[in-house]
N, C-alpha and C. Protein backbone atom coordinates (compact mmCIF):
# COMPACT_ATOMS: atom_id res chain seq x y z
N GLN A 1 49.08 72.53 101.59
CA GLN A 1 48.90 73.05 102.93
C GLN A 1 50.21 73.64 103.43
N VAL A 2 50.17 74.88 103.87
CA VAL A 2 51.35 75.55 104.38
C VAL A 2 51.64 75.05 105.79
N GLN A 3 52.87 74.61 106.01
CA GLN A 3 53.22 74.04 107.30
C GLN A 3 54.67 74.34 107.63
N LEU A 4 54.94 74.53 108.92
CA LEU A 4 56.30 74.76 109.42
C LEU A 4 56.55 73.82 110.59
N VAL A 5 57.73 73.21 110.61
CA VAL A 5 58.07 72.30 111.70
C VAL A 5 59.47 72.65 112.19
N GLU A 6 59.55 73.06 113.46
CA GLU A 6 60.83 73.42 114.05
C GLU A 6 61.49 72.21 114.72
N SER A 7 62.80 72.27 114.81
CA SER A 7 63.56 71.28 115.55
C SER A 7 64.91 71.91 115.93
N GLY A 8 65.65 71.20 116.78
CA GLY A 8 67.00 71.65 117.11
C GLY A 8 67.15 72.26 118.48
N GLY A 9 66.07 72.42 119.21
CA GLY A 9 66.18 72.97 120.55
C GLY A 9 66.80 71.96 121.50
N GLY A 10 67.08 72.43 122.71
CA GLY A 10 67.65 71.55 123.71
C GLY A 10 68.23 72.32 124.87
N LEU A 11 69.02 71.62 125.67
CA LEU A 11 69.67 72.21 126.84
C LEU A 11 71.14 72.45 126.51
N VAL A 12 71.61 73.65 126.77
CA VAL A 12 73.00 74.01 126.48
C VAL A 12 73.53 74.90 127.60
N GLN A 13 74.81 74.84 127.83
CA GLN A 13 75.41 75.71 128.86
C GLN A 13 75.61 77.12 128.32
N SER A 14 75.65 78.05 129.23
CA SER A 14 75.91 79.44 128.87
C SER A 14 77.21 79.53 128.05
N GLY A 15 77.14 80.30 126.97
CA GLY A 15 78.28 80.42 126.06
C GLY A 15 78.27 79.42 124.92
N GLY A 16 77.37 78.47 124.98
CA GLY A 16 77.29 77.44 123.95
C GLY A 16 76.51 77.88 122.73
N SER A 17 76.32 76.93 121.81
CA SER A 17 75.64 77.21 120.54
C SER A 17 74.59 76.15 120.26
N LEU A 18 73.58 76.57 119.51
CA LEU A 18 72.56 75.67 118.97
C LEU A 18 72.16 76.18 117.59
N ARG A 19 71.71 75.27 116.74
CA ARG A 19 71.13 75.68 115.47
C ARG A 19 69.71 75.15 115.39
N LEU A 20 68.77 76.06 115.25
CA LEU A 20 67.38 75.69 115.10
C LEU A 20 67.05 75.54 113.62
N THR A 21 66.18 74.59 113.32
CA THR A 21 65.75 74.31 111.96
C THR A 21 64.25 74.48 111.87
N CYS A 22 63.81 75.06 110.76
CA CYS A 22 62.37 75.24 110.50
C CYS A 22 62.12 74.74 109.08
N ALA A 23 61.55 73.56 108.97
CA ALA A 23 61.28 72.96 107.67
C ALA A 23 59.93 73.43 107.15
N GLY A 24 59.94 74.00 105.94
CA GLY A 24 58.71 74.47 105.34
C GLY A 24 58.15 73.47 104.36
N SER A 25 56.81 73.45 104.23
CA SER A 25 56.15 72.64 103.21
C SER A 25 54.92 73.39 102.72
N GLY A 26 54.59 73.15 101.46
CA GLY A 26 53.42 73.79 100.87
C GLY A 26 53.68 75.16 100.29
N PHE A 27 54.91 75.61 100.39
CA PHE A 27 55.28 76.92 99.85
C PHE A 27 56.82 76.99 99.78
N PRO A 28 57.36 77.85 98.91
CA PRO A 28 58.81 78.02 98.89
C PRO A 28 59.27 79.03 99.93
N VAL A 29 60.10 78.58 100.88
CA VAL A 29 60.61 79.46 101.92
C VAL A 29 61.31 80.68 101.31
N SER A 30 61.93 80.49 100.16
CA SER A 30 62.69 81.57 99.53
C SER A 30 61.82 82.71 99.04
N ASP A 31 60.52 82.47 98.88
CA ASP A 31 59.61 83.49 98.33
C ASP A 31 58.88 84.28 99.41
N GLU A 32 59.08 83.92 100.67
CA GLU A 32 58.30 84.50 101.74
C GLU A 32 59.19 85.25 102.75
N ILE A 33 58.58 86.18 103.44
CA ILE A 33 59.25 86.82 104.58
C ILE A 33 59.16 85.83 105.75
N MET A 34 60.32 85.41 106.22
CA MET A 34 60.38 84.40 107.28
C MET A 34 60.96 85.02 108.54
N THR A 35 60.38 84.64 109.67
CA THR A 35 60.72 85.30 110.93
C THR A 35 60.87 84.28 112.05
N TRP A 36 61.75 84.58 112.98
CA TRP A 36 61.87 83.83 114.23
C TRP A 36 61.37 84.70 115.38
N TYR A 37 60.61 84.07 116.25
CA TYR A 37 60.16 84.69 117.49
C TYR A 37 60.56 83.77 118.65
N ARG A 38 60.45 84.30 119.85
CA ARG A 38 60.62 83.46 121.03
C ARG A 38 59.70 83.94 122.14
N GLN A 39 59.39 83.02 123.03
CA GLN A 39 58.53 83.35 124.17
C GLN A 39 59.07 82.68 125.42
N ALA A 40 59.53 83.49 126.34
CA ALA A 40 59.96 82.99 127.64
C ALA A 40 58.75 82.82 128.54
N ARG A 41 58.91 82.02 129.58
CA ARG A 41 57.80 81.74 130.49
C ARG A 41 57.29 83.04 131.10
N ASP A 42 55.99 83.18 131.07
CA ASP A 42 55.30 84.33 131.67
C ASP A 42 55.65 85.66 131.01
N LYS A 43 56.13 85.60 129.79
CA LYS A 43 56.43 86.82 129.03
C LYS A 43 55.76 86.76 127.67
N PRO A 44 55.52 87.92 127.06
CA PRO A 44 54.90 87.90 125.72
C PRO A 44 55.88 87.39 124.67
N ARG A 45 55.33 86.92 123.56
CA ARG A 45 56.18 86.48 122.46
C ARG A 45 56.89 87.70 121.88
N GLU A 46 58.19 87.54 121.57
CA GLU A 46 58.96 88.66 121.04
C GLU A 46 59.65 88.28 119.74
N TRP A 47 59.72 89.26 118.86
CA TRP A 47 60.39 89.10 117.57
C TRP A 47 61.90 89.12 117.79
N ILE A 48 62.62 88.26 117.04
CA ILE A 48 64.07 88.30 117.17
C ILE A 48 64.80 88.43 115.83
N ALA A 49 64.23 87.92 114.72
CA ALA A 49 64.95 88.01 113.46
C ALA A 49 64.02 87.80 112.28
N THR A 50 64.34 88.46 111.16
CA THR A 50 63.58 88.33 109.92
C THR A 50 64.52 88.19 108.74
N LEU A 51 64.14 87.33 107.79
CA LEU A 51 64.86 87.15 106.54
C LEU A 51 63.90 87.42 105.39
N PHE A 52 64.29 88.38 104.53
CA PHE A 52 63.46 88.72 103.38
C PHE A 52 63.85 87.87 102.18
N PRO A 53 62.92 87.73 101.20
CA PRO A 53 63.23 86.90 100.03
C PRO A 53 64.52 87.32 99.30
N GLY A 54 64.81 88.60 99.29
CA GLY A 54 66.01 89.07 98.61
C GLY A 54 67.28 88.84 99.39
N GLY A 55 67.16 88.39 100.64
CA GLY A 55 68.33 88.07 101.46
C GLY A 55 68.60 89.04 102.59
N ALA A 56 67.89 90.16 102.63
CA ALA A 56 68.13 91.10 103.72
C ALA A 56 67.70 90.49 105.05
N THR A 57 68.48 90.79 106.09
CA THR A 57 68.19 90.26 107.42
C THR A 57 68.12 91.39 108.44
N PHE A 58 67.30 91.19 109.45
CA PHE A 58 67.15 92.16 110.53
C PHE A 58 67.06 91.41 111.85
N TYR A 59 67.63 92.01 112.89
CA TYR A 59 67.70 91.37 114.19
C TYR A 59 67.31 92.33 115.30
N ASP A 60 66.71 91.77 116.33
CA ASP A 60 66.52 92.54 117.55
C ASP A 60 67.88 92.78 118.19
N ASP A 61 68.01 93.89 118.89
CA ASP A 61 69.30 94.23 119.50
C ASP A 61 69.76 93.16 120.49
N SER A 62 68.82 92.46 121.10
CA SER A 62 69.18 91.47 122.12
C SER A 62 69.93 90.27 121.55
N VAL A 63 69.84 90.06 120.24
CA VAL A 63 70.50 88.89 119.63
C VAL A 63 71.48 89.29 118.54
N LYS A 64 71.52 90.55 118.19
CA LYS A 64 72.39 91.01 117.10
C LYS A 64 73.85 90.68 117.41
N GLY A 65 74.52 90.10 116.44
CA GLY A 65 75.92 89.73 116.62
C GLY A 65 76.12 88.33 117.19
N ARG A 66 75.04 87.74 117.70
CA ARG A 66 75.12 86.38 118.27
C ARG A 66 74.31 85.37 117.47
N PHE A 67 73.18 85.80 116.93
CA PHE A 67 72.29 84.92 116.17
C PHE A 67 72.36 85.25 114.69
N THR A 68 72.18 84.22 113.85
CA THR A 68 72.16 84.41 112.40
C THR A 68 70.98 83.66 111.81
N ILE A 69 70.14 84.37 111.07
CA ILE A 69 69.02 83.75 110.36
C ILE A 69 69.47 83.48 108.93
N SER A 70 69.13 82.30 108.42
CA SER A 70 69.52 81.94 107.06
C SER A 70 68.54 80.91 106.53
N ARG A 71 68.72 80.56 105.27
CA ARG A 71 67.85 79.52 104.69
C ARG A 71 68.65 78.70 103.68
N ASP A 72 68.14 77.50 103.45
CA ASP A 72 68.67 76.62 102.40
C ASP A 72 67.52 76.39 101.43
N ASP A 73 67.59 77.02 100.27
CA ASP A 73 66.48 76.95 99.33
C ASP A 73 66.26 75.52 98.82
N ALA A 74 67.33 74.78 98.63
CA ALA A 74 67.21 73.42 98.13
C ALA A 74 66.47 72.52 99.11
N LYS A 75 66.65 72.80 100.41
CA LYS A 75 65.98 72.02 101.44
C LYS A 75 64.68 72.66 101.91
N ASN A 76 64.39 73.86 101.37
CA ASN A 76 63.19 74.59 101.79
C ASN A 76 63.13 74.74 103.31
N THR A 77 64.25 75.14 103.86
CA THR A 77 64.41 75.18 105.31
C THR A 77 65.00 76.51 105.77
N LEU A 78 64.49 76.98 106.88
CA LEU A 78 64.98 78.19 107.54
C LEU A 78 65.80 77.76 108.76
N TYR A 79 66.84 78.54 109.06
CA TYR A 79 67.69 78.22 110.19
C TYR A 79 67.83 79.43 111.12
N LEU A 80 68.18 79.13 112.36
CA LEU A 80 68.61 80.17 113.30
C LEU A 80 69.84 79.62 114.03
N GLN A 81 71.01 80.14 113.67
CA GLN A 81 72.24 79.77 114.35
C GLN A 81 72.39 80.68 115.57
N MET A 82 72.50 80.08 116.72
CA MET A 82 72.57 80.83 117.97
C MET A 82 73.90 80.55 118.65
N ASN A 83 74.71 81.57 118.79
CA ASN A 83 76.02 81.46 119.43
C ASN A 83 76.05 82.31 120.70
N SER A 84 77.04 82.05 121.53
CA SER A 84 77.22 82.81 122.78
C SER A 84 75.91 82.91 123.57
N LEU A 85 75.26 81.78 123.72
CA LEU A 85 73.96 81.76 124.37
C LEU A 85 74.05 82.17 125.83
N LYS A 86 73.00 82.83 126.30
CA LYS A 86 72.91 83.32 127.67
C LYS A 86 71.67 82.72 128.33
N PRO A 87 71.65 82.65 129.64
CA PRO A 87 70.44 82.13 130.32
C PRO A 87 69.17 82.89 129.92
N GLU A 88 69.29 84.17 129.65
CA GLU A 88 68.11 84.95 129.25
C GLU A 88 67.60 84.62 127.85
N ASP A 89 68.33 83.79 127.11
CA ASP A 89 67.85 83.31 125.82
C ASP A 89 66.90 82.12 125.99
N THR A 90 66.75 81.61 127.19
CA THR A 90 65.85 80.49 127.44
C THR A 90 64.42 80.86 127.07
N ALA A 91 63.82 80.07 126.18
CA ALA A 91 62.48 80.36 125.68
C ALA A 91 62.05 79.24 124.74
N VAL A 92 60.79 79.29 124.35
CA VAL A 92 60.32 78.48 123.23
C VAL A 92 60.49 79.33 121.97
N TYR A 93 61.13 78.77 120.97
CA TYR A 93 61.41 79.48 119.73
C TYR A 93 60.46 79.01 118.63
N TYR A 94 59.92 80.00 117.91
CA TYR A 94 58.95 79.73 116.85
C TYR A 94 59.42 80.35 115.54
N CYS A 95 59.19 79.65 114.44
CA CYS A 95 59.37 80.28 113.14
C CYS A 95 57.99 80.62 112.57
N GLN A 96 57.98 81.62 111.72
CA GLN A 96 56.74 82.12 111.15
C GLN A 96 56.91 82.46 109.69
N ASN A 97 55.94 82.06 108.90
CA ASN A 97 55.79 82.58 107.54
C ASN A 97 54.97 83.85 107.70
N HIS A 98 55.62 84.99 107.56
CA HIS A 98 54.96 86.27 107.84
C HIS A 98 53.78 86.51 106.91
N ASP A 99 53.95 86.16 105.64
CA ASP A 99 52.93 86.48 104.65
C ASP A 99 51.63 85.73 104.88
N SER A 100 51.72 84.47 105.28
CA SER A 100 50.51 83.68 105.52
C SER A 100 50.18 83.59 107.01
N ASN A 101 51.04 84.20 107.85
CA ASN A 101 50.88 84.13 109.31
C ASN A 101 50.75 82.68 109.77
N THR A 102 51.60 81.84 109.22
CA THR A 102 51.65 80.44 109.64
C THR A 102 52.79 80.26 110.63
N TRP A 103 52.53 79.51 111.70
CA TRP A 103 53.51 79.31 112.77
C TRP A 103 53.85 77.83 112.90
N GLY A 104 55.07 77.58 113.32
CA GLY A 104 55.45 76.24 113.71
C GLY A 104 54.98 75.96 115.13
N GLN A 105 55.28 74.75 115.60
CA GLN A 105 54.81 74.32 116.92
C GLN A 105 55.73 74.79 118.04
N GLY A 106 56.92 75.26 117.69
CA GLY A 106 57.86 75.74 118.69
C GLY A 106 58.85 74.68 119.12
N THR A 107 60.03 75.14 119.54
CA THR A 107 61.05 74.24 120.06
C THR A 107 61.69 74.91 121.28
N GLN A 108 61.86 74.15 122.35
CA GLN A 108 62.34 74.69 123.61
C GLN A 108 63.86 74.80 123.60
N VAL A 109 64.35 75.98 123.98
CA VAL A 109 65.78 76.20 124.18
C VAL A 109 65.98 76.59 125.64
N THR A 110 66.85 75.85 126.32
CA THR A 110 67.16 76.13 127.71
C THR A 110 68.66 76.33 127.86
N VAL A 111 69.06 77.47 128.41
CA VAL A 111 70.47 77.79 128.59
C VAL A 111 70.75 77.83 130.09
N SER A 112 71.62 76.95 130.53
CA SER A 112 71.96 76.89 131.95
C SER A 112 73.15 77.78 132.26
N SER A 113 73.15 78.33 133.46
CA SER A 113 74.24 79.25 133.86
C SER A 113 75.41 78.49 134.48
């Protein structure tokens, strides 16, 4: 069974950092296109970053230079390192296996000003 479980969210001050974790099971994270999305209150879900099996990464302009998507193949885990956080980064963050369209349950990130 393909499953994703996120963790690592929390409350942080503006300018701070968090690392989100997305643990995969039932498939090798390294073989799939993996993506992070986020959804702020009363706003649609938005794409923020993608990691391809070959290692290529792509970012939305709103997070480019501040966020880094990566994976640990041995742990079958996807990460999102978030630096220089801003209040507008406040949202529920989701990881997705793009190929199977499987989503995690989400983890809340709140950035205080």
